[in-house]
């Protein structure tokens, strides 16, 4: 068995389909972890995932997360210590409020399959230009 150990990269590895900065963390076949960062005052692009479930934990900053699945819809405050779920197929969008970036850890189950996993949906807030 191989073990993986990673430190948080100083620079982003990629841009997520929602427009946030992504720093890739540890990965296994049944799950992967990443650090997401959204600049102050920005809203993400609204997306949904085809096959993966995601769990988020907010580290720093403040913002809001909008989620919609079927008849269920909610907007929740995101602040340090908040954890939330994004089941596969859920439409979601988040925004950063205040003077510092919104930073969160996300765990994807199964592991993130690639760029075709997320697709754009109609969101709650205006998207970045």
N, C-alpha and C. Protein backbone atom coordinates (compact mmCIF):
# COMPACT_ATOMS: atom_id res chain seq x y z
N UNK A 1 0.84 -1.18 0.00
CA UNK A 1 0.00 0.00 0.00
C UNK A 1 0.89 1.24 0.00
N UNK A 2 0.54 2.20 -0.82
CA UNK A 2 1.25 3.47 -0.85
C UNK A 2 0.49 4.49 -0.01
N UNK A 3 1.23 5.28 0.74
CA UNK A 3 0.65 6.36 1.52
C UNK A 3 0.95 7.68 0.82
N UNK A 4 0.02 8.62 0.92
CA UNK A 4 0.25 9.94 0.33
C UNK A 4 0.28 10.97 1.43
N UNK A 5 1.24 11.85 1.37
CA UNK A 5 1.36 12.97 2.30
C UNK A 5 1.58 14.21 1.47
N UNK A 6 0.77 15.24 1.70
CA UNK A 6 0.90 16.49 0.95
C UNK A 6 0.78 17.66 1.90
N UNK A 7 1.51 18.70 1.60
CA UNK A 7 1.36 19.98 2.30
C UNK A 7 0.55 20.91 1.42
N UNK A 8 -0.08 21.89 2.02
CA UNK A 8 -0.86 22.87 1.27
C UNK A 8 0.07 23.66 0.35
N UNK A 9 -0.14 23.60 -0.97
CA UNK A 9 0.72 24.35 -1.89
C UNK A 9 0.55 25.85 -1.70
N UNK A 10 1.64 26.60 -1.89
CA UNK A 10 1.59 28.06 -1.79
C UNK A 10 0.76 28.67 -2.91
N UNK A 11 0.82 28.07 -4.09
CA UNK A 11 0.09 28.57 -5.25
C UNK A 11 -1.00 27.58 -5.65
N UNK A 12 -2.09 28.05 -6.25
CA UNK A 12 -3.16 27.15 -6.68
C UNK A 12 -2.65 26.16 -7.73
N UNK A 13 -3.19 24.95 -7.69
CA UNK A 13 -2.90 23.94 -8.70
C UNK A 13 -3.79 24.10 -9.92
N UNK A 14 -4.98 24.66 -9.69
CA UNK A 14 -5.96 24.76 -10.78
C UNK A 14 -7.05 25.74 -10.38
N UNK A 15 -7.94 25.99 -11.34
CA UNK A 15 -9.17 26.73 -11.07
C UNK A 15 -10.29 25.72 -11.13
N UNK A 16 -11.14 25.70 -10.10
CA UNK A 16 -12.27 24.78 -10.07
C UNK A 16 -13.30 25.19 -11.12
N UNK A 17 -14.17 24.26 -11.52
CA UNK A 17 -15.24 24.61 -12.46
C UNK A 17 -16.12 25.76 -11.96
N UNK A 18 -16.16 25.96 -10.62
CA UNK A 18 -16.96 27.06 -10.08
C UNK A 18 -16.19 28.37 -10.05
N UNK A 19 -14.91 28.37 -10.46
CA UNK A 19 -14.12 29.58 -10.52
C UNK A 19 -13.23 29.83 -9.32
N UNK A 20 -13.32 29.03 -8.27
CA UNK A 20 -12.47 29.22 -7.10
C UNK A 20 -11.08 28.63 -7.36
N UNK A 21 -10.10 29.10 -6.56
CA UNK A 21 -8.75 28.55 -6.64
C UNK A 21 -8.73 27.20 -5.93
N UNK A 22 -8.01 26.24 -6.51
CA UNK A 22 -7.93 24.89 -5.93
C UNK A 22 -6.47 24.54 -5.65
N UNK A 23 -6.25 24.04 -4.45
CA UNK A 23 -4.96 23.47 -4.07
C UNK A 23 -5.23 22.01 -3.74
N UNK A 24 -4.64 21.11 -4.51
CA UNK A 24 -4.93 19.69 -4.38
C UNK A 24 -4.22 19.12 -3.15
N UNK A 25 -4.97 18.33 -2.38
CA UNK A 25 -4.45 17.68 -1.18
C UNK A 25 -4.47 16.16 -1.41
N UNK A 26 -4.52 15.38 -0.35
CA UNK A 26 -4.43 13.93 -0.44
C UNK A 26 -5.59 13.32 -1.23
N UNK A 27 -5.31 12.11 -1.79
CA UNK A 27 -6.28 11.44 -2.64
C UNK A 27 -6.17 9.93 -2.47
N UNK A 28 -7.33 9.28 -2.47
CA UNK A 28 -7.46 7.83 -2.56
C UNK A 28 -8.47 7.52 -3.64
N UNK A 29 -8.61 6.27 -4.02
CA UNK A 29 -9.59 5.91 -5.05
C UNK A 29 -11.01 6.27 -4.64
N UNK A 30 -11.33 6.15 -3.34
CA UNK A 30 -12.70 6.39 -2.88
C UNK A 30 -12.96 7.80 -2.37
N UNK A 31 -11.95 8.67 -2.47
CA UNK A 31 -12.16 10.04 -2.03
C UNK A 31 -10.94 10.91 -2.30
N UNK A 32 -11.18 12.21 -2.43
CA UNK A 32 -10.08 13.16 -2.62
C UNK A 32 -10.38 14.42 -1.82
N UNK A 33 -9.32 15.16 -1.51
CA UNK A 33 -9.46 16.36 -0.70
C UNK A 33 -8.76 17.52 -1.40
N UNK A 34 -9.35 18.69 -1.27
CA UNK A 34 -8.77 19.90 -1.86
C UNK A 34 -9.08 21.10 -0.98
N UNK A 35 -8.27 22.13 -1.13
CA UNK A 35 -8.44 23.41 -0.45
C UNK A 35 -8.99 24.38 -1.49
N UNK A 36 -10.09 25.04 -1.16
CA UNK A 36 -10.72 26.00 -2.07
C UNK A 36 -10.57 27.40 -1.50
N UNK A 37 -10.36 28.38 -2.36
CA UNK A 37 -10.27 29.77 -1.93
C UNK A 37 -11.01 30.65 -2.92
N UNK A 38 -11.85 31.53 -2.39
CA UNK A 38 -12.59 32.49 -3.20
C UNK A 38 -12.27 33.89 -2.68
N UNK A 39 -11.87 34.77 -3.57
CA UNK A 39 -11.45 36.13 -3.20
C UNK A 39 -12.59 36.91 -2.55
N UNK A 40 -12.26 37.90 -1.71
CA UNK A 40 -13.27 38.73 -1.06
C UNK A 40 -14.21 39.36 -2.07
N UNK A 41 -15.50 39.35 -1.76
CA UNK A 41 -16.50 40.00 -2.59
C UNK A 41 -16.89 39.26 -3.85
N UNK A 42 -16.33 38.08 -4.08
CA UNK A 42 -16.61 37.32 -5.30
C UNK A 42 -17.69 36.27 -5.07
N UNK A 43 -18.41 35.95 -6.14
CA UNK A 43 -19.35 34.83 -6.15
C UNK A 43 -18.80 33.78 -7.11
N UNK A 44 -18.99 32.53 -6.77
CA UNK A 44 -18.56 31.45 -7.64
C UNK A 44 -19.52 31.31 -8.82
N UNK A 45 -19.14 30.49 -9.78
CA UNK A 45 -20.04 30.08 -10.85
C UNK A 45 -20.92 28.98 -10.29
N UNK A 46 -22.21 29.01 -10.56
CA UNK A 46 -23.13 27.97 -10.07
C UNK A 46 -22.92 26.69 -10.87
N UNK A 47 -22.75 25.57 -10.16
CA UNK A 47 -22.52 24.28 -10.80
C UNK A 47 -23.28 23.18 -10.06
N UNK A 48 -23.27 22.00 -10.65
CA UNK A 48 -23.72 20.77 -10.01
C UNK A 48 -22.73 19.69 -10.41
N UNK A 49 -22.65 18.63 -9.63
CA UNK A 49 -21.76 17.50 -9.92
C UNK A 49 -22.57 16.33 -10.44
N UNK A 50 -22.05 15.66 -11.43
CA UNK A 50 -22.75 14.52 -12.05
C UNK A 50 -22.79 13.30 -11.13
N UNK A 51 -21.65 12.95 -10.51
CA UNK A 51 -21.56 11.67 -9.81
C UNK A 51 -20.99 11.72 -8.41
N UNK A 52 -20.36 12.82 -8.01
CA UNK A 52 -19.67 12.84 -6.72
C UNK A 52 -20.46 13.61 -5.66
N UNK A 53 -20.33 13.15 -4.43
CA UNK A 53 -20.81 13.88 -3.26
C UNK A 53 -19.62 14.66 -2.71
N UNK A 54 -19.91 15.79 -2.05
CA UNK A 54 -18.84 16.59 -1.49
C UNK A 54 -19.19 17.02 -0.08
N UNK A 55 -18.19 17.07 0.79
CA UNK A 55 -18.30 17.60 2.14
C UNK A 55 -17.32 18.76 2.25
N UNK A 56 -17.77 19.87 2.81
CA UNK A 56 -16.93 21.06 2.96
C UNK A 56 -16.79 21.41 4.44
N UNK A 57 -15.63 21.99 4.78
CA UNK A 57 -15.36 22.52 6.11
C UNK A 57 -14.69 23.88 5.93
N UNK A 58 -15.29 24.92 6.48
CA UNK A 58 -14.78 26.29 6.33
C UNK A 58 -13.67 26.56 7.33
N UNK A 59 -12.54 27.03 6.81
CA UNK A 59 -11.36 27.33 7.62
C UNK A 59 -11.27 28.81 7.99
N UNK A 60 -11.47 29.68 7.00
CA UNK A 60 -11.30 31.13 7.20
C UNK A 60 -12.28 31.89 6.33
N UNK A 61 -12.52 33.14 6.72
CA UNK A 61 -13.38 34.01 5.94
C UNK A 61 -14.84 33.84 6.31
N UNK A 62 -15.67 34.48 5.52
CA UNK A 62 -17.11 34.45 5.77
C UNK A 62 -17.80 34.55 4.42
N UNK A 63 -18.94 33.89 4.32
CA UNK A 63 -19.69 33.94 3.08
C UNK A 63 -21.01 33.21 3.21
N UNK A 64 -21.57 32.86 2.05
CA UNK A 64 -22.83 32.13 2.02
C UNK A 64 -22.76 31.03 0.96
N UNK A 65 -23.49 29.95 1.21
CA UNK A 65 -23.61 28.84 0.27
C UNK A 65 -25.08 28.66 -0.04
N UNK A 66 -25.40 28.64 -1.35
CA UNK A 66 -26.75 28.34 -1.82
C UNK A 66 -26.74 26.93 -2.38
N UNK A 67 -27.75 26.13 -1.99
CA UNK A 67 -27.90 24.77 -2.52
C UNK A 67 -29.37 24.54 -2.88
N UNK A 68 -29.56 23.83 -4.02
CA UNK A 68 -30.92 23.47 -4.43
C UNK A 68 -30.89 22.06 -5.02
N UNK A 69 -31.83 21.26 -4.56
CA UNK A 69 -32.01 19.90 -5.08
C UNK A 69 -33.50 19.60 -5.05
N UNK A 70 -34.10 19.41 -6.21
CA UNK A 70 -35.55 19.17 -6.26
C UNK A 70 -36.30 20.35 -5.67
N UNK A 71 -37.18 20.07 -4.71
CA UNK A 71 -37.97 21.12 -4.06
C UNK A 71 -37.26 21.76 -2.87
N UNK A 72 -36.09 21.26 -2.50
CA UNK A 72 -35.35 21.79 -1.36
C UNK A 72 -34.36 22.85 -1.81
N UNK A 73 -34.36 23.97 -1.09
CA UNK A 73 -33.45 25.07 -1.40
C UNK A 73 -33.08 25.76 -0.10
N UNK A 74 -31.80 26.12 0.04
CA UNK A 74 -31.36 26.79 1.26
C UNK A 74 -30.14 27.65 0.98
N UNK A 75 -30.03 28.74 1.75
CA UNK A 75 -28.83 29.57 1.78
C UNK A 75 -28.36 29.54 3.23
N UNK A 76 -27.09 29.19 3.44
CA UNK A 76 -26.54 29.11 4.79
C UNK A 76 -25.30 29.99 4.88
N UNK A 77 -25.03 30.46 6.08
CA UNK A 77 -23.82 31.24 6.37
C UNK A 77 -22.63 30.30 6.44
N UNK A 78 -21.54 30.73 5.81
CA UNK A 78 -20.28 29.99 5.89
C UNK A 78 -19.31 30.82 6.71
N UNK A 79 -18.82 30.24 7.79
CA UNK A 79 -17.83 30.88 8.64
C UNK A 79 -16.96 29.78 9.24
N UNK A 80 -15.80 30.13 9.80
CA UNK A 80 -14.93 29.10 10.33
C UNK A 80 -15.68 28.15 11.27
N UNK A 81 -15.49 26.86 11.03
CA UNK A 81 -16.16 25.83 11.83
C UNK A 81 -17.40 25.26 11.19
N UNK A 82 -17.90 25.88 10.13
CA UNK A 82 -19.10 25.38 9.44
C UNK A 82 -18.73 24.21 8.55
N UNK A 83 -19.52 23.13 8.62
CA UNK A 83 -19.38 22.03 7.67
C UNK A 83 -20.71 21.86 6.97
N UNK A 84 -20.65 21.42 5.71
CA UNK A 84 -21.88 21.25 4.94
C UNK A 84 -21.70 20.18 3.88
N UNK A 85 -22.83 19.65 3.42
CA UNK A 85 -22.81 18.60 2.41
C UNK A 85 -23.37 19.11 1.09
N UNK A 86 -22.84 18.54 0.01
CA UNK A 86 -23.31 18.84 -1.33
C UNK A 86 -23.51 17.49 -2.04
N UNK A 87 -24.70 16.89 -1.93
CA UNK A 87 -24.93 15.60 -2.59
C UNK A 87 -24.86 15.73 -4.12
N UNK A 88 -24.48 14.67 -4.79
CA UNK A 88 -24.41 14.66 -6.25
C UNK A 88 -25.72 15.18 -6.83
N UNK A 89 -25.62 15.99 -7.87
CA UNK A 89 -26.79 16.55 -8.54
C UNK A 89 -27.31 17.84 -7.94
N UNK A 90 -26.82 18.24 -6.76
CA UNK A 90 -27.25 19.47 -6.11
C UNK A 90 -26.68 20.68 -6.85
N UNK A 91 -27.53 21.65 -7.14
CA UNK A 91 -27.07 22.91 -7.71
C UNK A 91 -26.52 23.74 -6.54
N UNK A 92 -25.33 24.31 -6.72
CA UNK A 92 -24.78 25.10 -5.63
C UNK A 92 -23.93 26.25 -6.15
N UNK A 93 -23.85 27.27 -5.30
CA UNK A 93 -23.06 28.47 -5.58
C UNK A 93 -22.69 29.07 -4.23
N UNK A 94 -21.50 29.64 -4.13
CA UNK A 94 -21.10 30.27 -2.88
C UNK A 94 -20.47 31.62 -3.16
N UNK A 95 -20.45 32.44 -2.14
CA UNK A 95 -19.85 33.76 -2.28
C UNK A 95 -19.09 34.13 -1.01
N UNK A 96 -18.07 34.95 -1.22
CA UNK A 96 -17.21 35.40 -0.14
C UNK A 96 -17.63 36.82 0.25
N UNK A 97 -17.79 37.03 1.53
CA UNK A 97 -18.17 38.35 2.04
C UNK A 97 -17.09 38.83 3.00
N UNK A 98 -16.91 40.12 3.09
CA UNK A 98 -15.92 40.65 4.01
C UNK A 98 -14.62 40.98 3.31
N UNK A 99 -13.56 41.18 4.12
CA UNK A 99 -12.28 41.66 3.61
C UNK A 99 -11.24 40.57 3.38
N UNK A 100 -11.55 39.33 3.71
CA UNK A 100 -10.57 38.27 3.52
C UNK A 100 -11.16 37.15 2.67
N UNK A 101 -10.30 36.37 2.03
CA UNK A 101 -10.81 35.27 1.19
C UNK A 101 -11.58 34.25 2.02
N UNK A 102 -12.50 33.58 1.38
CA UNK A 102 -13.19 32.44 1.98
C UNK A 102 -12.35 31.21 1.65
N UNK A 103 -11.96 30.47 2.68
CA UNK A 103 -11.11 29.28 2.49
C UNK A 103 -11.80 28.08 3.13
N UNK A 104 -11.84 26.98 2.37
CA UNK A 104 -12.51 25.77 2.86
C UNK A 104 -11.78 24.53 2.35
N UNK A 105 -11.94 23.45 3.07
CA UNK A 105 -11.47 22.13 2.65
C UNK A 105 -12.68 21.38 2.13
N UNK A 106 -12.52 20.72 0.99
CA UNK A 106 -13.59 19.91 0.42
C UNK A 106 -13.12 18.48 0.23
N UNK A 107 -13.97 17.53 0.59
CA UNK A 107 -13.70 16.11 0.39
C UNK A 107 -14.73 15.59 -0.60
N UNK A 108 -14.26 14.96 -1.66
CA UNK A 108 -15.11 14.46 -2.74
C UNK A 108 -15.11 12.94 -2.70
N UNK A 109 -16.34 12.36 -2.77
CA UNK A 109 -16.48 10.91 -2.74
C UNK A 109 -17.37 10.46 -3.90
N UNK A 110 -16.92 9.59 -4.80
CA UNK A 110 -15.54 9.10 -4.89
C UNK A 110 -14.59 10.23 -5.27
N UNK A 111 -13.34 9.87 -5.53
CA UNK A 111 -12.34 10.88 -5.87
C UNK A 111 -12.78 11.67 -7.10
N UNK A 112 -12.35 12.93 -7.16
CA UNK A 112 -12.70 13.83 -8.28
C UNK A 112 -12.27 13.19 -9.60
N UNK A 113 -13.23 12.95 -10.53
CA UNK A 113 -12.90 12.25 -11.76
C UNK A 113 -12.31 13.12 -12.87
N UNK A 114 -12.47 14.43 -12.81
CA UNK A 114 -11.92 15.30 -13.84
C UNK A 114 -12.84 16.44 -14.20
N UNK A 115 -12.44 17.27 -15.17
CA UNK A 115 -13.15 18.52 -15.47
C UNK A 115 -14.58 18.34 -16.00
N UNK A 116 -14.93 17.19 -16.54
CA UNK A 116 -16.29 16.99 -17.05
C UNK A 116 -17.30 16.65 -15.95
N UNK A 117 -16.83 16.51 -14.71
CA UNK A 117 -17.71 16.15 -13.60
C UNK A 117 -18.72 17.25 -13.28
N UNK A 118 -18.31 18.50 -13.32
CA UNK A 118 -19.18 19.62 -12.96
C UNK A 118 -19.79 20.23 -14.21
N UNK A 119 -21.03 20.66 -14.09
CA UNK A 119 -21.69 21.38 -15.19
C UNK A 119 -22.37 22.62 -14.63
N UNK A 120 -22.43 23.65 -15.46
CA UNK A 120 -23.01 24.93 -15.05
C UNK A 120 -24.52 24.83 -14.92
N UNK A 121 -25.05 25.56 -13.95
CA UNK A 121 -26.49 25.66 -13.72
C UNK A 121 -26.83 27.12 -13.45
N UNK A 122 -28.09 27.44 -13.45
CA UNK A 122 -28.51 28.79 -13.10
C UNK A 122 -28.33 28.98 -11.59
N UNK A 123 -27.69 30.08 -11.21
CA UNK A 123 -27.38 30.31 -9.81
C UNK A 123 -28.25 31.36 -9.16
N UNK A 124 -27.88 31.67 -7.95
CA UNK A 124 -28.62 32.64 -7.12
C UNK A 124 -28.05 34.05 -7.27
N UNK A 125 -26.72 34.16 -7.43
CA UNK A 125 -26.04 35.45 -7.47
C UNK A 125 -25.39 35.66 -8.83
N UNK A 126 -25.17 36.91 -9.23
CA UNK A 126 -24.47 37.16 -10.50
C UNK A 126 -23.07 36.52 -10.47
N UNK A 127 -22.70 35.91 -11.58
CA UNK A 127 -21.40 35.26 -11.69
C UNK A 127 -20.32 36.28 -11.99
N UNK A 128 -19.06 35.92 -11.73
CA UNK A 128 -17.97 36.84 -12.06
C UNK A 128 -17.91 37.10 -13.56
N UNK A 129 -17.46 38.28 -13.91
CA UNK A 129 -17.38 38.66 -15.34
C UNK A 129 -16.25 37.98 -16.04
